[in-house]
Amino acid sequence: MSNQDLNKLIFLPLDMPSPPDILDILIEEDKDLYHCGYKQSDIIVMYDKGTHYPIMDKIPEFKEWVNKELLPWTGDGSVCVIITRPGDTMATHIDCEPAKFHTLQHKFRYVYKGNTTDLRWKRKNDWVHANPVNEPYMISGRWPHGLVNTTNETRYTLCLGAPWESDLADDKYRKMLEKSYAKNKDRGIFFDDWELPDNWRDLFDLSRYKVTDDVKPIL
């Protein structure tokens, strides 16, 4: 396996333990939440830059899983749950700033409730949907993506992202990806000869970033 394979990662199930079942607590906490207008989703923040939020005191087994299974290969980051209501759409977006468009921008995900196949990436003329899985998975955040909750129940998706930055020069992260690729590559998705949609420049968070002429499409 080469770096080129991992550079083209869109979706890959991970060879790691799934987190403990905390769905009951997530449902209990599902009120008065932070709303992300850019992604058009509600968010429960659980951990950010070394700080455990109060919800973690209710779920010590989850806190232990984060410390044991995530932080050893991420070092740090932000752990949250994105909530998508029945029938709602998470806006199609590029999950990084324009200056980092050509970096990996891998994002960790685990669906507590909902269909993984509702997640989709936008190509020039069509969509590619995630494969059905039950385990944690890694996605590309730099390729335009979004979802439509096709179920009649609220979707709860565990996420890890910035300030963590995926880096294949990091031995711990690379080894975790390599063993996952060896086991699950047939259930993964990798872009090859994909074309970005014509409006890709509009899919960054334009309330925060300016897309300059030197930002070029992914090759």
C-alpha atoms as a PDB file:
ATOM      1  CA  MET A   1       0.000   0.000   0.000  1.00  0.00           C
ATOM      2  CA  SER A   2       1.324   3.426  -0.941  1.00  0.00           C
ATOM      3  CA  ASN A   3       0.668   6.915   0.370  1.00  0.00           C
ATOM      4  CA  GLN A   4      -1.229   7.475  -2.873  1.00  0.00           C
ATOM      5  CA  ASP A   5      -3.858   4.920  -1.791  1.00  0.00           C
ATOM      6  CA  LEU A   6      -4.413   6.689   1.517  1.00  0.00           C
ATOM      7  CA  ASN A   7      -4.314  10.131  -0.102  1.00  0.00           C
ATOM      8  CA  LYS A   8      -7.320   9.060  -2.180  1.00  0.00           C
ATOM      9  CA  LEU A   9      -9.314   7.790   0.789  1.00  0.00           C
ATOM     10  CA  ILE A  10     -12.989   8.757   0.738  1.00  0.00           C
ATOM     11  CA  PHE A  11     -14.367   6.144   3.146  1.00  0.00           C
ATOM     12  CA  LEU A  12     -12.678   3.327   5.090  1.00  0.00           C
ATOM     13  CA  PRO A  13     -14.030   1.149   7.943  1.00  0.00           C
ATOM     14  CA  LEU A  14     -11.503   1.073  10.790  1.00  0.00           C
ATOM     15  CA  ASP A  15     -10.007  -1.967  12.483  1.00  0.00           C
ATOM     16  CA  MET A  16     -10.568  -0.762  16.048  1.00  0.00           C
ATOM     17  CA  PRO A  17     -13.059  -1.318  18.892  1.00  0.00           C
ATOM     18  CA  SER A  18     -16.387   0.477  18.605  1.00  0.00           C
ATOM     19  CA  PRO A  19     -17.228   2.977  21.341  1.00  0.00           C
ATOM     20  CA  PRO A  20     -19.536   2.009  24.238  1.00  0.00           C
ATOM     21  CA  ASP A  21     -23.266   2.411  23.742  1.00  0.00           C
ATOM     22  CA  ILE A  22     -24.159   5.853  25.121  1.00  0.00           C
ATOM     23  CA  LEU A  23     -27.249   6.448  22.988  1.00  0.00           C
ATOM     24  CA  ASP A  24     -29.555   6.882  26.004  1.00  0.00           C
ATOM     25  CA  ILE A  25     -27.320   9.677  27.351  1.00  0.00           C
ATOM     26  CA  LEU A  26     -27.142  11.356  23.939  1.00  0.00           C
ATOM     27  CA  ILE A  27     -30.933  11.377  23.715  1.00  0.00           C
ATOM     28  CA  GLU A  28     -31.108  12.787  27.253  1.00  0.00           C
ATOM     29  CA  GLU A  29     -28.629  15.553  26.341  1.00  0.00           C
ATOM     30  CA  ASP A  30     -30.424  16.391  23.091  1.00  0.00           C
ATOM     31  CA  LYS A  31     -31.725  19.821  24.143  1.00  0.00           C
ATOM     32  CA  ASP A  32     -30.560  23.446  24.051  1.00  0.00           C
ATOM     33  CA  LEU A  33     -27.708  22.513  21.724  1.00  0.00           C
ATOM     34  CA  TYR A  34     -25.179  24.471  19.714  1.00  0.00           C
ATOM     35  CA  HIS A  35     -26.481  24.791  16.144  1.00  0.00           C
ATOM     36  CA  CYS A  36     -23.956  24.878  13.316  1.00  0.00           C
ATOM     37  CA  GLY A  37     -25.495  27.021  10.596  1.00  0.00           C
ATOM     38  CA  TYR A  38     -22.843  26.059   8.055  1.00  0.00           C
ATOM     39  CA  LYS A  39     -23.596  22.326   8.349  1.00  0.00           C
ATOM     40  CA  GLN A  40     -27.231  22.914   9.336  1.00  0.00           C
ATOM     41  CA  SER A  41     -26.936  20.470  12.247  1.00  0.00           C
ATOM     42  CA  ASP A  42     -27.129  20.431  16.044  1.00  0.00           C
ATOM     43  CA  ILE A  43     -23.994  19.429  17.952  1.00  0.00           C
ATOM     44  CA  ILE A  44     -23.189  17.957  21.381  1.00  0.00           C
ATOM     45  CA  VAL A  45     -19.589  18.863  22.271  1.00  0.00           C
ATOM     46  CA  MET A  46     -17.945  16.209  24.456  1.00  0.00           C
ATOM     47  CA  TYR A  47     -14.209  16.896  24.428  1.00  0.00           C
ATOM     48  CA  ASP A  48     -12.183  19.762  23.022  1.00  0.00           C
ATOM     49  CA  LYS A  49      -8.459  20.541  23.252  1.00  0.00           C
ATOM     50  CA  GLY A  50      -7.875  18.676  26.488  1.00  0.00           C
ATOM     51  CA  THR A  51     -11.161  19.668  28.134  1.00  0.00           C
ATOM     52  CA  HIS A  52     -13.781  17.035  28.984  1.00  0.00           C
ATOM     53  CA  TYR A  53     -17.266  18.554  28.920  1.00  0.00           C
ATOM     54  CA  PRO A  54     -19.781  17.754  31.725  1.00  0.00           C
ATOM     55  CA  ILE A  55     -21.513  15.044  29.686  1.00  0.00           C
ATOM     56  CA  MET A  56     -18.353  12.939  30.047  1.00  0.00           C
ATOM     57  CA  ASP A  57     -18.968  12.617  33.803  1.00  0.00           C
ATOM     58  CA  LYS A  58     -22.127  10.662  32.968  1.00  0.00           C
ATOM     59  CA  ILE A  59     -20.330   8.206  30.686  1.00  0.00           C
ATOM     60  CA  PRO A  60     -17.005   7.173  32.291  1.00  0.00           C
ATOM     61  CA  GLU A  61     -16.761   4.109  30.049  1.00  0.00           C
ATOM     62  CA  PHE A  62     -16.894   6.366  26.976  1.00  0.00           C
ATOM     63  CA  LYS A  63     -14.303   8.719  28.466  1.00  0.00           C
ATOM     64  CA  GLU A  64     -12.041   5.700  28.994  1.00  0.00           C
ATOM     65  CA  TRP A  65     -12.590   4.613  25.381  1.00  0.00           C
ATOM     66  CA  VAL A  66     -11.662   8.097  24.089  1.00  0.00           C
ATOM     67  CA  ASN A  67      -8.478   8.094  26.179  1.00  0.00           C
ATOM     68  CA  LYS A  68      -7.530   4.542  25.184  1.00  0.00           C
ATOM     69  CA  GLU A  69      -8.703   4.206  21.576  1.00  0.00           C
ATOM     70  CA  LEU A  70      -8.701   7.720  20.059  1.00  0.00           C
ATOM     71  CA  LEU A  71      -6.209  10.022  21.750  1.00  0.00           C
ATOM     72  CA  PRO A  72      -3.174   7.696  21.414  1.00  0.00           C
ATOM     73  CA  TRP A  73      -3.175   8.203  17.631  1.00  0.00           C
ATOM     74  CA  THR A  74      -4.688  11.679  17.465  1.00  0.00           C
ATOM     75  CA  GLY A  75      -2.906  13.355  20.367  1.00  0.00           C
ATOM     76  CA  ASP A  76      -5.773  15.806  20.635  1.00  0.00           C
ATOM     77  CA  GLY A  77      -8.813  17.021  18.765  1.00  0.00           C
ATOM     78  CA  SER A  78     -12.481  17.743  19.210  1.00  0.00           C
ATOM     79  CA  VAL A  79     -14.956  14.955  19.975  1.00  0.00           C
ATOM     80  CA  CYS A  80     -18.608  15.722  19.363  1.00  0.00           C
ATOM     81  CA  VAL A  81     -21.884  14.213  18.218  1.00  0.00           C
ATOM     82  CA  ILE A  82     -23.616  15.677  15.167  1.00  0.00           C
ATOM     83  CA  ILE A  83     -27.406  15.388  15.270  1.00  0.00           C
ATOM     84  CA  THR A  84     -29.528  15.223  12.127  1.00  0.00           C
ATOM     85  CA  ARG A  85     -33.304  15.225  12.499  1.00  0.00           C
ATOM     86  CA  PRO A  86     -35.603  12.877  10.514  1.00  0.00           C
ATOM     87  CA  GLY A  87     -35.782  13.995   6.912  1.00  0.00           C
ATOM     88  CA  ASP A  88     -33.265  16.798   7.460  1.00  0.00           C
ATOM     89  CA  THR A  89     -30.292  17.500   5.216  1.00  0.00           C
ATOM     90  CA  MET A  90     -26.772  18.258   6.338  1.00  0.00           C
ATOM     91  CA  ALA A  91     -25.641  20.872   3.841  1.00  0.00           C
ATOM     92  CA  THR A  92     -23.057  19.751   1.298  1.00  0.00           C
ATOM     93  CA  HIS A  93     -19.758  21.232   2.436  1.00  0.00           C
ATOM     94  CA  ILE A  94     -15.970  21.031   2.370  1.00  0.00           C
ATOM     95  CA  ASP A  95     -14.790  20.408   5.916  1.00  0.00           C
ATOM     96  CA  CYS A  96     -11.546  22.403   5.934  1.00  0.00           C
ATOM     97  CA  GLU A  97     -10.206  25.837   5.213  1.00  0.00           C
ATOM     98  CA  PRO A  98      -9.168  26.534   1.600  1.00  0.00           C
ATOM     99  CA  ALA A  99      -5.466  26.694   2.510  1.00  0.00           C
ATOM    100  CA  LYS A 100      -5.629  23.043   3.646  1.00  0.00           C
ATOM    101  CA  PHE A 101      -7.638  21.748   0.696  1.00  0.00           C
ATOM    102  CA  HIS A 102      -4.763  19.582  -0.530  1.00  0.00           C
ATOM    103  CA  THR A 103      -3.995  18.010   2.849  1.00  0.00           C
ATOM    104  CA  LEU A 104      -5.553  14.690   3.880  1.00  0.00           C
ATOM    105  CA  GLN A 105      -8.407  16.052   6.019  1.00  0.00           C
ATOM    106  CA  HIS A 106      -9.454  12.623   7.256  1.00  0.00           C
ATOM    107  CA  LYS A 107     -12.343  12.695   9.748  1.00  0.00           C
ATOM    108  CA  PHE A 108     -13.334   9.960  12.213  1.00  0.00           C
ATOM    109  CA  ARG A 109     -17.013   8.931  12.338  1.00  0.00           C
ATOM    110  CA  TYR A 110     -19.225   6.391  14.120  1.00  0.00           C
ATOM    111  CA  VAL A 111     -23.005   6.255  13.720  1.00  0.00           C
ATOM    112  CA  TYR A 112     -24.837   5.514  16.953  1.00  0.00           C
ATOM    113  CA  LYS A 113     -28.202   5.705  15.259  1.00  0.00           C
ATOM    114  CA  GLY A 114     -28.983   6.089  11.574  1.00  0.00           C
ATOM    115  CA  ASN A 115     -27.836   4.767   8.206  1.00  0.00           C
ATOM    116  CA  THR A 116     -24.194   5.159   7.205  1.00  0.00           C
ATOM    117  CA  THR A 117     -25.420   5.038   3.597  1.00  0.00           C
ATOM    118  CA  ASP A 118     -27.125   8.418   4.050  1.00  0.00           C
ATOM    119  CA  LEU A 119     -23.665  10.033   3.963  1.00  0.00           C
ATOM    120  CA  ARG A 120     -22.685  10.998   0.426  1.00  0.00           C
ATOM    121  CA  TRP A 121     -19.972  12.760  -1.580  1.00  0.00           C
ATOM    122  CA  LYS A 122     -20.764  15.063  -4.475  1.00  0.00           C
ATOM    123  CA  ARG A 123     -18.994  14.516  -7.788  1.00  0.00           C
ATOM    124  CA  LYS A 124     -19.448  16.616 -10.901  1.00  0.00           C
ATOM    125  CA  ASN A 125     -22.535  14.794 -12.150  1.00  0.00           C
ATOM    126  CA  ASP A 126     -23.574  12.398  -9.372  1.00  0.00           C
ATOM    127  CA  TRP A 127     -23.308  11.299  -5.749  1.00  0.00           C
ATOM    128  CA  VAL A 128     -21.359   8.437  -4.146  1.00  0.00           C
ATOM    129  CA  HIS A 129     -22.870   7.044  -0.941  1.00  0.00           C
ATOM    130  CA  ALA A 130     -20.997   5.520   1.993  1.00  0.00           C
ATOM    131  CA  ASN A 131     -21.156   1.751   2.369  1.00  0.00           C
ATOM    132  CA  PRO A 132     -23.260   0.122   5.120  1.00  0.00           C
ATOM    133  CA  VAL A 133     -21.060  -0.555   8.164  1.00  0.00           C
ATOM    134  CA  ASN A 134     -21.472  -0.964  11.913  1.00  0.00           C
ATOM    135  CA  GLU A 135     -17.945  -0.065  13.016  1.00  0.00           C
ATOM    136  CA  PRO A 136     -16.088   3.268  13.188  1.00  0.00           C
ATOM    137  CA  TYR A 137     -14.843   4.633   9.878  1.00  0.00           C
ATOM    138  CA  MET A 138     -12.681   7.378   8.411  1.00  0.00           C
ATOM    139  CA  ILE A 139     -13.923   9.753   5.734  1.00  0.00           C
ATOM    140  CA  SER A 140     -12.509  12.463   3.512  1.00  0.00           C
ATOM    141  CA  GLY A 141     -13.601  15.859   4.794  1.00  0.00           C
ATOM    142  CA  ARG A 142     -12.038  17.741   1.889  1.00  0.00           C
ATOM    143  CA  TRP A 143     -14.228  16.184  -0.800  1.00  0.00           C
ATOM    144  CA  PRO A 144     -17.675  17.896  -0.850  1.00  0.00           C
ATOM    145  CA  HIS A 145     -20.029  15.826   1.258  1.00  0.00           C
ATOM    146  CA  GLY A 146     -23.313  15.949   3.139  1.00  0.00           C
ATOM    147  CA  LEU A 147     -26.212  13.707   4.031  1.00  0.00           C
ATOM    148  CA  VAL A 148     -29.971  13.355   4.078  1.00  0.00           C
ATOM    149  CA  ASN A 149     -31.450  11.496   7.052  1.00  0.00           C
ATOM    150  CA  THR A 150     -33.762   9.105   5.226  1.00  0.00           C
ATOM    151  CA  THR A 151     -35.105   7.524   8.419  1.00  0.00           C
ATOM    152  CA  ASN A 152     -37.948   8.621  10.696  1.00  0.00           C
ATOM    153  CA  GLU A 153     -35.594   8.790  13.689  1.00  0.00           C
ATOM    154  CA  THR A 154     -32.932  11.259  14.783  1.00  0.00           C
ATOM    155  CA  ARG A 155     -29.412  10.403  13.623  1.00  0.00           C
ATOM    156  CA  TYR A 156     -26.506  10.579  16.099  1.00  0.00           C
ATOM    157  CA  THR A 157     -22.985  10.568  14.603  1.00  0.00           C
ATOM    158  CA  LEU A 158     -19.842  10.552  16.743  1.00  0.00           C
ATOM    159  CA  CYS A 159     -17.103  12.699  15.190  1.00  0.00           C
ATOM    160  CA  LEU A 160     -13.491  13.607  15.768  1.00  0.00           C
ATOM    161  CA  GLY A 161     -11.866  16.463  13.918  1.00  0.00           C
ATOM    162  CA  ALA A 162      -9.926  19.710  14.232  1.00  0.00           C
ATOM    163  CA  PRO A 163      -7.635  20.662  15.814  1.00  0.00           C
ATOM    164  CA  TRP A 164      -6.540  17.088  15.052  1.00  0.00           C
ATOM    165  CA  GLU A 165      -4.920  16.913  11.617  1.00  0.00           C
ATOM    166  CA  SER A 166      -4.446  13.542   9.917  1.00  0.00           C
ATOM    167  CA  ASP A 167      -0.834  13.042   8.873  1.00  0.00           C
ATOM    168  CA  LEU A 168       0.678   9.962   7.253  1.00  0.00           C
ATOM    169  CA  ALA A 169       4.058  10.962   8.701  1.00  0.00           C
ATOM    170  CA  ASP A 170       2.594  10.137  12.126  1.00  0.00           C
ATOM    171  CA  ASP A 171       3.556   6.490  12.708  1.00  0.00           C
ATOM    172  CA  LYS A 172       0.679   5.736  15.084  1.00  0.00           C
ATOM    173  CA  TYR A 173      -1.931   7.072  12.700  1.00  0.00           C
ATOM    174  CA  ARG A 174      -0.369   5.493   9.625  1.00  0.00           C
ATOM    175  CA  LYS A 175      -0.162   2.067  11.280  1.00  0.00           C
ATOM    176  CA  MET A 176      -3.815   2.266  12.324  1.00  0.00           C
ATOM    177  CA  LEU A 177      -4.813   3.151   8.751  1.00  0.00           C
ATOM    178  CA  GLU A 178      -2.582   0.474   7.240  1.00  0.00           C
ATOM    179  CA  LYS A 179      -4.108  -2.345   9.286  1.00  0.00           C
ATOM    180  CA  SER A 180      -7.592  -1.014   8.539  1.00  0.00           C
ATOM    181  CA  TYR A 181      -6.813  -0.836   4.815  1.00  0.00           C
ATOM    182  CA  ALA A 182      -5.439  -4.387   4.828  1.00  0.00           C
ATOM    183  CA  LYS A 183      -8.603  -5.709   6.473  1.00  0.00           C
ATOM    184  CA  ASN A 184     -11.314  -3.486   4.987  1.00  0.00           C
ATOM    185  CA  LYS A 185     -10.137  -2.026   1.662  1.00  0.00           C
ATOM    186  CA  ASP A 186     -12.820  -3.982  -0.232  1.00  0.00           C
ATOM    187  CA  ARG A 187     -15.470  -2.081   1.738  1.00  0.00           C
ATOM    188  CA  GLY A 188     -13.693   1.234   1.324  1.00  0.00           C
ATOM    189  CA  ILE A 189     -14.129   4.000  -1.258  1.00  0.00           C
ATOM    190  CA  PHE A 190     -11.200   5.774  -2.913  1.00  0.00           C
ATOM    191  CA  PHE A 191     -11.388   8.549  -5.475  1.00  0.00           C
ATOM    192  CA  ASP A 192      -9.823   7.962  -8.872  1.00  0.00           C
ATOM    193  CA  ASP A 193     -10.627  10.141 -11.871  1.00  0.00           C
ATOM    194  CA  TRP A 194     -13.337  11.863  -9.871  1.00  0.00           C
ATOM    195  CA  GLU A 195     -14.273  15.411 -10.858  1.00  0.00           C
ATOM    196  CA  LEU A 196     -15.363  18.072  -8.396  1.00  0.00           C
ATOM    197  CA  PRO A 197     -18.768  19.708  -8.853  1.00  0.00           C
ATOM    198  CA  ASP A 198     -18.683  23.008 -10.701  1.00  0.00           C
ATOM    199  CA  ASN A 199     -19.598  24.961  -7.557  1.00  0.00           C
ATOM    200  CA  TRP A 200     -16.896  23.456  -5.305  1.00  0.00           C
ATOM    201  CA  ARG A 201     -15.513  26.901  -4.407  1.00  0.00           C
ATOM    202  CA  ASP A 202     -18.888  27.791  -2.893  1.00  0.00           C
ATOM    203  CA  LEU A 203     -18.842  24.782  -0.543  1.00  0.00           C
ATOM    204  CA  PHE A 204     -16.220  26.100   1.883  1.00  0.00           C
ATOM    205  CA  ASP A 205     -17.444  27.984   4.950  1.00  0.00           C
ATOM    206  CA  LEU A 206     -17.524  31.365   3.227  1.00  0.00           C
ATOM    207  CA  SER A 207     -18.517  33.095   6.463  1.00  0.00           C
ATOM    208  CA  ARG A 208     -15.014  32.295   7.750  1.00  0.00           C
ATOM    209  CA  TYR A 209     -12.798  31.875   4.688  1.00  0.00           C
ATOM    210  CA  LYS A 210     -12.064  33.560   1.385  1.00  0.00           C
ATOM    211  CA  VAL A 211     -11.375  31.246  -1.536  1.00  0.00           C
ATOM    212  CA  THR A 212      -8.495  32.777  -3.473  1.00  0.00           C
ATOM    213  CA  ASP A 213      -7.424  31.990  -7.027  1.00  0.00           C
ATOM    214  CA  ASP A 214      -4.497  29.863  -5.825  1.00  0.00           C
ATOM    215  CA  VAL A 215      -6.859  27.242  -4.346  1.00  0.00           C
ATOM    216  CA  LYS A 216      -6.886  24.536  -7.000  1.00  0.00           C
ATOM    217  CA  PRO A 217      -9.038  21.399  -7.433  1.00  0.00           C
ATOM    218  CA  ILE A 218      -7.920  18.105  -5.895  1.00  0.00           C
ATOM    219  CA  LEU A 219      -5.962  15.971  -8.333  1.00  0.00           C
END
